[in-house]
Amino acid sequence: MPDRLQISLDGTFAVLHPDGTAVTVLSRRSQGLLAYLACQPRMRAERAFLADLLWSDRGEEQARASLRQELSVLRRALPEGTLTADRQCVSLDPARIAVTGARGGPDFLQGFDLPSEGFEDWLRHQRQATASPAASPTTPDDPPPARRAPQPRRAPLHRTGRARG
């Protein structure tokens, strides 16, 4: 939709303004923050979790300060009202954003990495989410797939094609 900020997670990370121009002033951690939020139900997450996810190599106070700094940069770079944050949570406005590639898979954020163990774990999980050809895409709000009922075991066949018994 042309009136929305476009976030592409399939292949190389990209953010485009509604007019199609690229948002280019984002650090890797800002990109990681946007990618993570874009994949969450209601595009929201708790601040403490985000600080730990993106700065798992730092202490809690330093991680929270770094998150505040990244949020300040993002607010200036994105259209007004796209990103909101309070003392508890950070969120993107789903009505103002269109996301492609949020279901994960092997091409998810291709070539993207951060020096944060927590983020790398999440990234690895997202890339494996639909890597199997038998896996069907789901959204975070979808119920888990139903399991097939176990089938009764059959008696082995003799060479004649009849069951032993």
C-alpha atoms as a PDB file:
ATOM      1  CA  MET A   1       0.000   0.000   0.000  1.00  0.00           C
ATOM      2  CA  PRO A   2       1.534   3.311  -1.050  1.00  0.00           C
ATOM      3  CA  ASP A   3       0.488   5.227   2.092  1.00  0.00           C
ATOM      4  CA  ARG A   4       2.442   2.911   4.394  1.00  0.00           C
ATOM      5  CA  LEU A   5       6.058   2.582   5.401  1.00  0.00           C
ATOM      6  CA  GLN A   6       7.388  -0.537   3.655  1.00  0.00           C
ATOM      7  CA  ILE A   7       9.626  -2.930   5.641  1.00  0.00           C
ATOM      8  CA  SER A   8      11.188  -5.753   3.651  1.00  0.00           C
ATOM      9  CA  LEU A   9      12.649  -8.669   5.619  1.00  0.00           C
ATOM     10  CA  ASP A  10      12.851 -11.089   2.704  1.00  0.00           C
ATOM     11  CA  GLY A  11      16.390 -10.956   1.339  1.00  0.00           C
ATOM     12  CA  THR A  12      18.253  -7.748   2.134  1.00  0.00           C
ATOM     13  CA  PHE A  13      16.685  -5.565   4.846  1.00  0.00           C
ATOM     14  CA  ALA A  14      15.055  -2.406   3.486  1.00  0.00           C
ATOM     15  CA  VAL A  15      12.739   0.325   4.741  1.00  0.00           C
ATOM     16  CA  LEU A  16      10.984   2.598   2.275  1.00  0.00           C
ATOM     17  CA  HIS A  17       8.992   5.745   2.996  1.00  0.00           C
ATOM     18  CA  PRO A  18       5.442   5.807   1.588  1.00  0.00           C
ATOM     19  CA  ASP A  19       6.774   7.782  -1.410  1.00  0.00           C
ATOM     20  CA  GLY A  20       9.237   4.962  -2.195  1.00  0.00           C
ATOM     21  CA  THR A  21      12.432   6.662  -1.003  1.00  0.00           C
ATOM     22  CA  ALA A  22      14.723   4.584   1.179  1.00  0.00           C
ATOM     23  CA  VAL A  23      15.213   5.246   4.881  1.00  0.00           C
ATOM     24  CA  THR A  24      19.007   5.166   4.930  1.00  0.00           C
ATOM     25  CA  VAL A  25      20.117   6.641   8.267  1.00  0.00           C
ATOM     26  CA  LEU A  26      19.433   3.504  10.312  1.00  0.00           C
ATOM     27  CA  SER A  27      22.124   1.698  12.269  1.00  0.00           C
ATOM     28  CA  ARG A  28      22.261  -2.107  12.229  1.00  0.00           C
ATOM     29  CA  ARG A  29      20.655  -2.208  15.685  1.00  0.00           C
ATOM     30  CA  SER A  30      17.839   0.107  14.557  1.00  0.00           C
ATOM     31  CA  GLN A  31      17.282  -2.193  11.602  1.00  0.00           C
ATOM     32  CA  GLY A  32      17.289  -5.201  13.929  1.00  0.00           C
ATOM     33  CA  LEU A  33      14.802  -3.470  16.226  1.00  0.00           C
ATOM     34  CA  LEU A  34      12.446  -2.731  13.325  1.00  0.00           C
ATOM     35  CA  ALA A  35      12.786  -6.277  11.989  1.00  0.00           C
ATOM     36  CA  TYR A  36      12.025  -7.805  15.380  1.00  0.00           C
ATOM     37  CA  LEU A  37       8.989  -5.573  16.014  1.00  0.00           C
ATOM     38  CA  ALA A  38       7.659  -6.182  12.488  1.00  0.00           C
ATOM     39  CA  CYS A  39       7.560  -9.934  13.231  1.00  0.00           C
ATOM     40  CA  GLN A  40       5.761  -9.676  16.581  1.00  0.00           C
ATOM     41  CA  PRO A  41       2.038  -9.958  17.261  1.00  0.00           C
ATOM     42  CA  ARG A  42       0.635  -6.415  17.213  1.00  0.00           C
ATOM     43  CA  MET A  43       4.196  -5.259  16.337  1.00  0.00           C
ATOM     44  CA  ARG A  44       5.104  -4.636  19.971  1.00  0.00           C
ATOM     45  CA  ALA A  45       7.621  -5.803  22.558  1.00  0.00           C
ATOM     46  CA  GLU A  46       8.728  -4.913  26.061  1.00  0.00           C
ATOM     47  CA  ARG A  47      11.614  -2.458  26.413  1.00  0.00           C
ATOM     48  CA  ALA A  48      13.613  -4.649  28.805  1.00  0.00           C
ATOM     49  CA  PHE A  49      13.389  -7.575  26.384  1.00  0.00           C
ATOM     50  CA  LEU A  50      14.468  -5.430  23.415  1.00  0.00           C
ATOM     51  CA  ALA A  51      17.422  -4.031  25.353  1.00  0.00           C
ATOM     52  CA  ASP A  52      18.571  -7.541  26.206  1.00  0.00           C
ATOM     53  CA  LEU A  53      17.884  -8.854  22.687  1.00  0.00           C
ATOM     54  CA  LEU A  54      19.907  -6.170  20.914  1.00  0.00           C
ATOM     55  CA  TRP A  55      22.610  -5.508  23.519  1.00  0.00           C
ATOM     56  CA  SER A  56      23.036  -8.877  25.217  1.00  0.00           C
ATOM     57  CA  ASP A  57      26.776  -8.152  25.471  1.00  0.00           C
ATOM     58  CA  ARG A  58      26.213  -5.133  27.759  1.00  0.00           C
ATOM     59  CA  GLY A  59      24.960  -4.532  31.269  1.00  0.00           C
ATOM     60  CA  GLU A  60      21.287  -3.738  31.858  1.00  0.00           C
ATOM     61  CA  GLU A  61      21.722   0.022  32.388  1.00  0.00           C
ATOM     62  CA  GLN A  62      23.949   0.437  29.354  1.00  0.00           C
ATOM     63  CA  ALA A  63      21.581  -1.677  27.208  1.00  0.00           C
ATOM     64  CA  ARG A  64      18.576   0.435  28.258  1.00  0.00           C
ATOM     65  CA  ALA A  65      20.470   3.663  27.521  1.00  0.00           C
ATOM     66  CA  SER A  66      21.453   2.314  24.095  1.00  0.00           C
ATOM     67  CA  LEU A  67      17.813   1.427  23.404  1.00  0.00           C
ATOM     68  CA  ARG A  68      16.716   4.971  24.326  1.00  0.00           C
ATOM     69  CA  GLN A  69      19.305   6.379  21.931  1.00  0.00           C
ATOM     70  CA  GLU A  70      18.205   4.101  19.044  1.00  0.00           C
ATOM     71  CA  LEU A  71      14.550   4.970  19.652  1.00  0.00           C
ATOM     72  CA  SER A  72      15.404   8.662  19.438  1.00  0.00           C
ATOM     73  CA  VAL A  73      17.128   8.138  16.079  1.00  0.00           C
ATOM     74  CA  LEU A  74      14.232   6.036  14.780  1.00  0.00           C
ATOM     75  CA  ARG A  75      11.619   8.628  15.768  1.00  0.00           C
ATOM     76  CA  ARG A  76      13.460  11.240  13.692  1.00  0.00           C
ATOM     77  CA  ALA A  77      13.938   8.903  10.702  1.00  0.00           C
ATOM     78  CA  LEU A  78      10.422   7.435  10.472  1.00  0.00           C
ATOM     79  CA  PRO A  79       7.119   9.184   9.706  1.00  0.00           C
ATOM     80  CA  GLU A  80       5.458  10.635  12.799  1.00  0.00           C
ATOM     81  CA  GLY A  81       3.304   8.138  14.698  1.00  0.00           C
ATOM     82  CA  THR A  82       4.941   5.066  13.138  1.00  0.00           C
ATOM     83  CA  LEU A  83       6.937   4.190  16.264  1.00  0.00           C
ATOM     84  CA  THR A  84       5.662   4.646  19.804  1.00  0.00           C
ATOM     85  CA  ALA A  85       7.299   3.868  23.096  1.00  0.00           C
ATOM     86  CA  ASP A  86       6.327   4.179  26.719  1.00  0.00           C
ATOM     87  CA  ARG A  87       8.061   3.095  29.919  1.00  0.00           C
ATOM     88  CA  GLN A  88       7.117  -0.559  29.297  1.00  0.00           C
ATOM     89  CA  CYS A  89       6.750  -1.215  25.569  1.00  0.00           C
ATOM     90  CA  VAL A  90       7.905  -0.207  22.121  1.00  0.00           C
ATOM     91  CA  SER A  91       5.591  -0.666  19.163  1.00  0.00           C
ATOM     92  CA  LEU A  92       5.060   0.042  15.509  1.00  0.00           C
ATOM     93  CA  ASP A  93       1.636   1.136  14.268  1.00  0.00           C
ATOM     94  CA  PRO A  94       0.388  -1.769  12.101  1.00  0.00           C
ATOM     95  CA  ALA A  95      -1.960   0.633  10.269  1.00  0.00           C
ATOM     96  CA  ARG A  96       1.059   2.631   9.040  1.00  0.00           C
ATOM     97  CA  ILE A  97       3.355  -0.258   8.068  1.00  0.00           C
ATOM     98  CA  ALA A  98       3.411  -2.958   5.399  1.00  0.00           C
ATOM     99  CA  VAL A  99       5.830  -5.841   6.014  1.00  0.00           C
ATOM    100  CA  THR A 100       7.092  -8.442   3.548  1.00  0.00           C
ATOM    101  CA  GLY A 101       8.960 -11.559   4.630  1.00  0.00           C
ATOM    102  CA  ALA A 102       7.872 -11.577   8.296  1.00  0.00           C
ATOM    103  CA  ARG A 103       7.248 -15.339   8.249  1.00  0.00           C
ATOM    104  CA  GLY A 104      10.944 -16.130   8.144  1.00  0.00           C
ATOM    105  CA  GLY A 105      12.677 -18.711   5.997  1.00  0.00           C
ATOM    106  CA  PRO A 106      16.170 -19.171   4.591  1.00  0.00           C
ATOM    107  CA  ASP A 107      16.204 -15.743   2.866  1.00  0.00           C
ATOM    108  CA  PHE A 108      15.064 -13.884   5.998  1.00  0.00           C
ATOM    109  CA  LEU A 109      17.336 -10.836   6.503  1.00  0.00           C
ATOM    110  CA  GLN A 110      19.923 -12.286   4.163  1.00  0.00           C
ATOM    111  CA  GLY A 111      23.462 -11.238   5.113  1.00  0.00           C
ATOM    112  CA  PHE A 112      22.245  -9.500   8.280  1.00  0.00           C
ATOM    113  CA  ASP A 113      23.953  -9.987  11.621  1.00  0.00           C
ATOM    114  CA  LEU A 114      24.486  -8.181  14.906  1.00  0.00           C
ATOM    115  CA  PRO A 115      27.089  -8.655  17.635  1.00  0.00           C
ATOM    116  CA  SER A 116      24.375  -9.792  20.050  1.00  0.00           C
ATOM    117  CA  GLU A 117      23.877 -13.419  20.982  1.00  0.00           C
ATOM    118  CA  GLY A 118      20.174 -12.913  21.739  1.00  0.00           C
ATOM    119  CA  PHE A 119      19.478 -11.362  18.353  1.00  0.00           C
ATOM    120  CA  GLU A 120      21.527 -13.985  16.519  1.00  0.00           C
ATOM    121  CA  ASP A 121      19.512 -16.753  18.256  1.00  0.00           C
ATOM    122  CA  TRP A 122      16.245 -15.099  17.178  1.00  0.00           C
ATOM    123  CA  LEU A 123      17.566 -14.576  13.651  1.00  0.00           C
ATOM    124  CA  ARG A 124      18.620 -18.219  13.360  1.00  0.00           C
ATOM    125  CA  HIS A 125      15.172 -19.328  14.558  1.00  0.00           C
ATOM    126  CA  GLN A 126      13.428 -17.082  12.026  1.00  0.00           C
ATOM    127  CA  ARG A 127      15.574 -18.387   9.185  1.00  0.00           C
ATOM    128  CA  GLN A 128      14.749 -21.977  10.130  1.00  0.00           C
ATOM    129  CA  ALA A 129      11.044 -21.229  10.686  1.00  0.00           C
ATOM    130  CA  THR A 130       9.957 -22.252   7.185  1.00  0.00           C
ATOM    131  CA  ALA A 131      13.206 -23.621   5.812  1.00  0.00           C
ATOM    132  CA  SER A 132      11.685 -27.091   5.523  1.00  0.00           C
ATOM    133  CA  PRO A 133       9.682 -27.529   2.288  1.00  0.00           C
ATOM    134  CA  ALA A 134       7.022 -29.396   4.275  1.00  0.00           C
ATOM    135  CA  ALA A 135       6.529 -26.477   6.674  1.00  0.00           C
ATOM    136  CA  SER A 136       3.512 -24.311   6.054  1.00  0.00           C
ATOM    137  CA  PRO A 137       3.706 -20.593   6.780  1.00  0.00           C
ATOM    138  CA  THR A 138       1.941 -19.415   9.929  1.00  0.00           C
ATOM    139  CA  THR A 139       1.594 -16.143  11.764  1.00  0.00           C
ATOM    140  CA  PRO A 140       2.375 -15.784  15.463  1.00  0.00           C
ATOM    141  CA  ASP A 141      -1.369 -15.750  16.233  1.00  0.00           C
ATOM    142  CA  ASP A 142      -2.078 -19.014  14.386  1.00  0.00           C
ATOM    143  CA  PRO A 143      -2.759 -22.061  16.558  1.00  0.00           C
ATOM    144  CA  PRO A 144      -0.184 -24.848  16.358  1.00  0.00           C
ATOM    145  CA  PRO A 145      -0.872 -27.325  13.558  1.00  0.00           C
ATOM    146  CA  ALA A 146      -3.044 -30.269  14.509  1.00  0.00           C
ATOM    147  CA  ARG A 147      -1.214 -33.550  14.949  1.00  0.00           C
ATOM    148  CA  ARG A 148      -2.294 -36.576  12.996  1.00  0.00           C
ATOM    149  CA  ALA A 149      -3.774 -39.366  15.042  1.00  0.00           C
ATOM    150  CA  PRO A 150      -1.381 -42.302  15.328  1.00  0.00           C
ATOM    151  CA  GLN A 151      -2.106 -45.041  12.836  1.00  0.00           C
ATOM    152  CA  PRO A 152      -2.480 -48.633  14.088  1.00  0.00           C
ATOM    153  CA  ARG A 153       0.555 -50.800  13.402  1.00  0.00           C
ATOM    154  CA  ARG A 154       0.036 -53.409  10.740  1.00  0.00           C
ATOM    155  CA  ALA A 155       1.377 -56.933  10.883  1.00  0.00           C
ATOM    156  CA  PRO A 156       4.425 -57.475   8.613  1.00  0.00           C
ATOM    157  CA  LEU A 157       3.711 -59.183   5.312  1.00  0.00           C
ATOM    158  CA  HIS A 158       5.050 -62.591   4.256  1.00  0.00           C
ATOM    159  CA  ARG A 159       6.621 -62.886   0.840  1.00  0.00           C
ATOM    160  CA  THR A 160       3.275 -64.113  -0.393  1.00  0.00           C
ATOM    161  CA  GLY A 161       1.669 -60.754   0.449  1.00  0.00           C
ATOM    162  CA  ARG A 162      -0.358 -62.154   3.378  1.00  0.00           C
ATOM    163  CA  ALA A 163      -0.011 -60.886   6.906  1.00  0.00           C
ATOM    164  CA  ARG A 164       1.670 -63.207   9.366  1.00  0.00           C
ATOM    165  CA  GLY A 165      -0.589 -64.107  12.093  1.00  0.00           C
END
